[in-house]
């Protein structure tokens, strides 16, 4: 029989759920709220179970989510969604909307020049 060491019982967390939450860009605080534990508990369990600091762990799982979102956007563009094609072109190809401005004030500017004698 194991001797009672005192203190609170260890809170276990669902690290798989935490990983999925991180991959949809949840913050550490949001993950803790969903798991119904403190942020510090999430930090400790991640460190104990993965050997990674919480920031590194979160960054890795958020990268998975970002790549998944990018893949879905790409598929949407490939399926013919013109709006997504334009948006991706602006993001990755440096494309932009060409805005032409036509000055209606040219006659006014010319009249001012004549009055000033320039």
C-alpha atoms as a PDB file:
ATOM      1  CA  UNK A   1       0.000   0.000   0.000  1.00  0.00           C
ATOM      2  CA  UNK A   2       1.335   3.387  -1.008  1.00  0.00           C
ATOM      3  CA  UNK A   3       1.733   5.914   1.736  1.00  0.00           C
ATOM      4  CA  UNK A   4      -0.277   9.136   1.399  1.00  0.00           C
ATOM      5  CA  UNK A   5       2.204  11.908   0.661  1.00  0.00           C
ATOM      6  CA  UNK A   6      -0.344  14.623   1.357  1.00  0.00           C
ATOM      7  CA  UNK A   7      -1.360  17.475  -0.884  1.00  0.00           C
ATOM      8  CA  UNK A   8      -3.847  17.416  -3.683  1.00  0.00           C
ATOM      9  CA  UNK A   9      -4.256  14.436  -5.962  1.00  0.00           C
ATOM     10  CA  UNK A  10      -2.517  14.796  -9.320  1.00  0.00           C
ATOM     11  CA  UNK A  11      -4.738  16.271 -12.031  1.00  0.00           C
ATOM     12  CA  UNK A  12      -4.448  14.381 -15.285  1.00  0.00           C
ATOM     13  CA  UNK A  13      -5.110  16.193 -18.534  1.00  0.00           C
ATOM     14  CA  UNK A  14      -6.082  14.952 -21.977  1.00  0.00           C
ATOM     15  CA  UNK A  15      -2.943  15.907 -23.895  1.00  0.00           C
ATOM     16  CA  UNK A  16      -4.481  14.698 -27.161  1.00  0.00           C
ATOM     17  CA  UNK A  17      -7.380  17.131 -26.728  1.00  0.00           C
ATOM     18  CA  UNK A  18      -4.916  19.866 -25.766  1.00  0.00           C
ATOM     19  CA  UNK A  19      -2.974  19.183 -28.985  1.00  0.00           C
ATOM     20  CA  UNK A  20      -6.109  19.408 -31.114  1.00  0.00           C
ATOM     21  CA  UNK A  21      -7.079  22.668 -29.418  1.00  0.00           C
ATOM     22  CA  UNK A  22      -3.608  24.089 -30.060  1.00  0.00           C
ATOM     23  CA  UNK A  23      -3.871  23.111 -33.732  1.00  0.00           C
ATOM     24  CA  UNK A  24      -6.963  25.316 -34.105  1.00  0.00           C
ATOM     25  CA  UNK A  25      -5.016  28.255 -32.658  1.00  0.00           C
ATOM     26  CA  UNK A  26      -6.365  28.146 -29.111  1.00  0.00           C
ATOM     27  CA  UNK A  27      -4.226  30.018 -26.601  1.00  0.00           C
ATOM     28  CA  UNK A  28      -2.762  28.359 -23.526  1.00  0.00           C
ATOM     29  CA  UNK A  29      -5.430  30.005 -21.389  1.00  0.00           C
ATOM     30  CA  UNK A  30      -8.205  28.709 -23.650  1.00  0.00           C
ATOM     31  CA  UNK A  31      -6.765  25.194 -23.559  1.00  0.00           C
ATOM     32  CA  UNK A  32      -6.636  25.329 -19.766  1.00  0.00           C
ATOM     33  CA  UNK A  33     -10.240  26.544 -19.627  1.00  0.00           C
ATOM     34  CA  UNK A  34     -11.499  23.706 -21.845  1.00  0.00           C
ATOM     35  CA  UNK A  35      -9.533  21.148 -19.821  1.00  0.00           C
ATOM     36  CA  UNK A  36     -10.821  22.774 -16.610  1.00  0.00           C
ATOM     37  CA  UNK A  37      -7.370  23.096 -15.081  1.00  0.00           C
ATOM     38  CA  UNK A  38      -5.044  26.012 -14.476  1.00  0.00           C
ATOM     39  CA  UNK A  39      -2.685  27.302 -17.132  1.00  0.00           C
ATOM     40  CA  UNK A  40       0.226  26.285 -14.875  1.00  0.00           C
ATOM     41  CA  UNK A  41      -1.056  22.709 -14.755  1.00  0.00           C
ATOM     42  CA  UNK A  42      -1.160  22.556 -18.558  1.00  0.00           C
ATOM     43  CA  UNK A  43       2.380  23.940 -18.716  1.00  0.00           C
ATOM     44  CA  UNK A  44       3.638  21.365 -16.208  1.00  0.00           C
ATOM     45  CA  UNK A  45       1.935  18.385 -17.864  1.00  0.00           C
ATOM     46  CA  UNK A  46       3.206  19.335 -21.308  1.00  0.00           C
ATOM     47  CA  UNK A  47       6.751  19.597 -19.924  1.00  0.00           C
ATOM     48  CA  UNK A  48       6.460  16.297 -18.011  1.00  0.00           C
ATOM     49  CA  UNK A  49       4.877  14.321 -20.851  1.00  0.00           C
ATOM     50  CA  UNK A  50       6.696  15.744 -23.884  1.00  0.00           C
ATOM     51  CA  UNK A  51       9.906  17.218 -22.535  1.00  0.00           C
ATOM     52  CA  UNK A  52       9.131  20.465 -24.394  1.00  0.00           C
ATOM     53  CA  UNK A  53       8.552  23.878 -22.945  1.00  0.00           C
ATOM     54  CA  UNK A  54       4.945  24.959 -23.329  1.00  0.00           C
ATOM     55  CA  UNK A  55       5.765  27.717 -25.837  1.00  0.00           C
ATOM     56  CA  UNK A  56       7.640  25.304 -28.123  1.00  0.00           C
ATOM     57  CA  UNK A  57       4.909  22.669 -27.804  1.00  0.00           C
ATOM     58  CA  UNK A  58       2.178  25.221 -28.590  1.00  0.00           C
ATOM     59  CA  UNK A  59       4.111  26.593 -31.570  1.00  0.00           C
ATOM     60  CA  UNK A  60       4.541  23.098 -33.047  1.00  0.00           C
ATOM     61  CA  UNK A  61       0.864  22.254 -32.756  1.00  0.00           C
ATOM     62  CA  UNK A  62      -0.236  25.624 -34.084  1.00  0.00           C
ATOM     63  CA  UNK A  63       2.045  25.055 -37.091  1.00  0.00           C
ATOM     64  CA  UNK A  64       0.109  21.848 -37.806  1.00  0.00           C
ATOM     65  CA  UNK A  65      -3.119  23.859 -37.758  1.00  0.00           C
ATOM     66  CA  UNK A  66      -1.691  26.556 -40.016  1.00  0.00           C
ATOM     67  CA  UNK A  67      -0.494  24.021 -42.583  1.00  0.00           C
ATOM     68  CA  UNK A  68      -3.898  22.325 -42.511  1.00  0.00           C
ATOM     69  CA  UNK A  69      -5.648  25.648 -43.117  1.00  0.00           C
ATOM     70  CA  UNK A  70      -3.217  26.497 -45.911  1.00  0.00           C
ATOM     71  CA  UNK A  71      -3.907  23.084 -47.526  1.00  0.00           C
ATOM     72  CA  UNK A  72      -7.685  23.717 -47.401  1.00  0.00           C
ATOM     73  CA  UNK A  73      -7.253  27.189 -48.909  1.00  0.00           C
ATOM     74  CA  UNK A  74      -5.103  25.763 -51.670  1.00  0.00           C
ATOM     75  CA  UNK A  75      -7.668  23.058 -52.448  1.00  0.00           C
ATOM     76  CA  UNK A  76     -10.386  25.703 -52.541  1.00  0.00           C
ATOM     77  CA  UNK A  77      -8.364  27.745 -55.034  1.00  0.00           C
ATOM     78  CA  UNK A  78      -7.619  24.652 -57.134  1.00  0.00           C
ATOM     79  CA  UNK A  79     -11.319  23.811 -57.261  1.00  0.00           C
ATOM     80  CA  UNK A  80     -11.896  27.105 -59.079  1.00  0.00           C
ATOM     81  CA  UNK A  81     -12.753  29.552 -56.299  1.00  0.00           C
ATOM     82  CA  UNK A  82     -11.628  32.791 -57.951  1.00  0.00           C
ATOM     83  CA  UNK A  83     -11.771  34.788 -54.715  1.00  0.00           C
ATOM     84  CA  UNK A  84      -9.333  32.380 -53.049  1.00  0.00           C
ATOM     85  CA  UNK A  85      -7.094  32.392 -56.128  1.00  0.00           C
ATOM     86  CA  UNK A  86      -6.917  36.186 -56.012  1.00  0.00           C
ATOM     87  CA  UNK A  87      -6.250  36.205 -52.269  1.00  0.00           C
ATOM     88  CA  UNK A  88      -3.464  33.605 -52.562  1.00  0.00           C
ATOM     89  CA  UNK A  89      -1.970  35.565 -55.474  1.00  0.00           C
ATOM     90  CA  UNK A  90      -1.827  38.660 -53.315  1.00  0.00           C
ATOM     91  CA  UNK A  91      -0.310  36.751 -50.382  1.00  0.00           C
ATOM     92  CA  UNK A  92       2.311  34.694 -52.200  1.00  0.00           C
ATOM     93  CA  UNK A  93       2.893  36.328 -55.556  1.00  0.00           C
ATOM     94  CA  UNK A  94       2.947  39.977 -54.527  1.00  0.00           C
ATOM     95  CA  UNK A  95      -0.045  40.750 -56.706  1.00  0.00           C
ATOM     96  CA  UNK A  96      -2.287  43.676 -55.903  1.00  0.00           C
ATOM     97  CA  UNK A  97      -5.332  45.429 -57.194  1.00  0.00           C
ATOM     98  CA  UNK A  98      -4.412  48.152 -59.641  1.00  0.00           C
ATOM     99  CA  UNK A  99      -6.058  51.361 -58.574  1.00  0.00           C
ATOM    100  CA  UNK A 100      -6.188  54.046 -61.232  1.00  0.00           C
ATOM    101  CA  UNK A 101      -6.957  57.547 -60.171  1.00  0.00           C
ATOM    102  CA  UNK A 102      -8.089  60.084 -62.666  1.00  0.00           C
ATOM    103  CA  UNK A 103      -7.626  63.632 -61.599  1.00  0.00           C
ATOM    104  CA  UNK A 104     -10.590  65.875 -62.277  1.00  0.00           C
ATOM    105  CA  UNK A 105      -8.617  68.783 -60.872  1.00  0.00           C
ATOM    106  CA  UNK A 106      -6.216  69.189 -63.822  1.00  0.00           C
ATOM    107  CA  UNK A 107      -8.206  72.116 -65.350  1.00  0.00           C
ATOM    108  CA  UNK A 108      -8.243  73.839 -61.945  1.00  0.00           C
ATOM    109  CA  UNK A 109      -4.500  73.367 -61.509  1.00  0.00           C
ATOM    110  CA  UNK A 110      -3.904  74.792 -65.011  1.00  0.00           C
ATOM    111  CA  UNK A 111      -6.092  77.829 -64.241  1.00  0.00           C
ATOM    112  CA  UNK A 112      -4.139  78.500 -61.013  1.00  0.00           C
ATOM    113  CA  UNK A 113      -0.845  78.305 -62.936  1.00  0.00           C
ATOM    114  CA  UNK A 114      -2.109  80.881 -65.457  1.00  0.00           C
ATOM    115  CA  UNK A 115      -3.232  83.242 -62.719  1.00  0.00           C
ATOM    116  CA  UNK A 116       0.115  82.956 -60.959  1.00  0.00           C
ATOM    117  CA  UNK A 117       1.965  83.303 -64.242  1.00  0.00           C
ATOM    118  CA  UNK A 118       3.839  80.042 -63.956  1.00  0.00           C
END
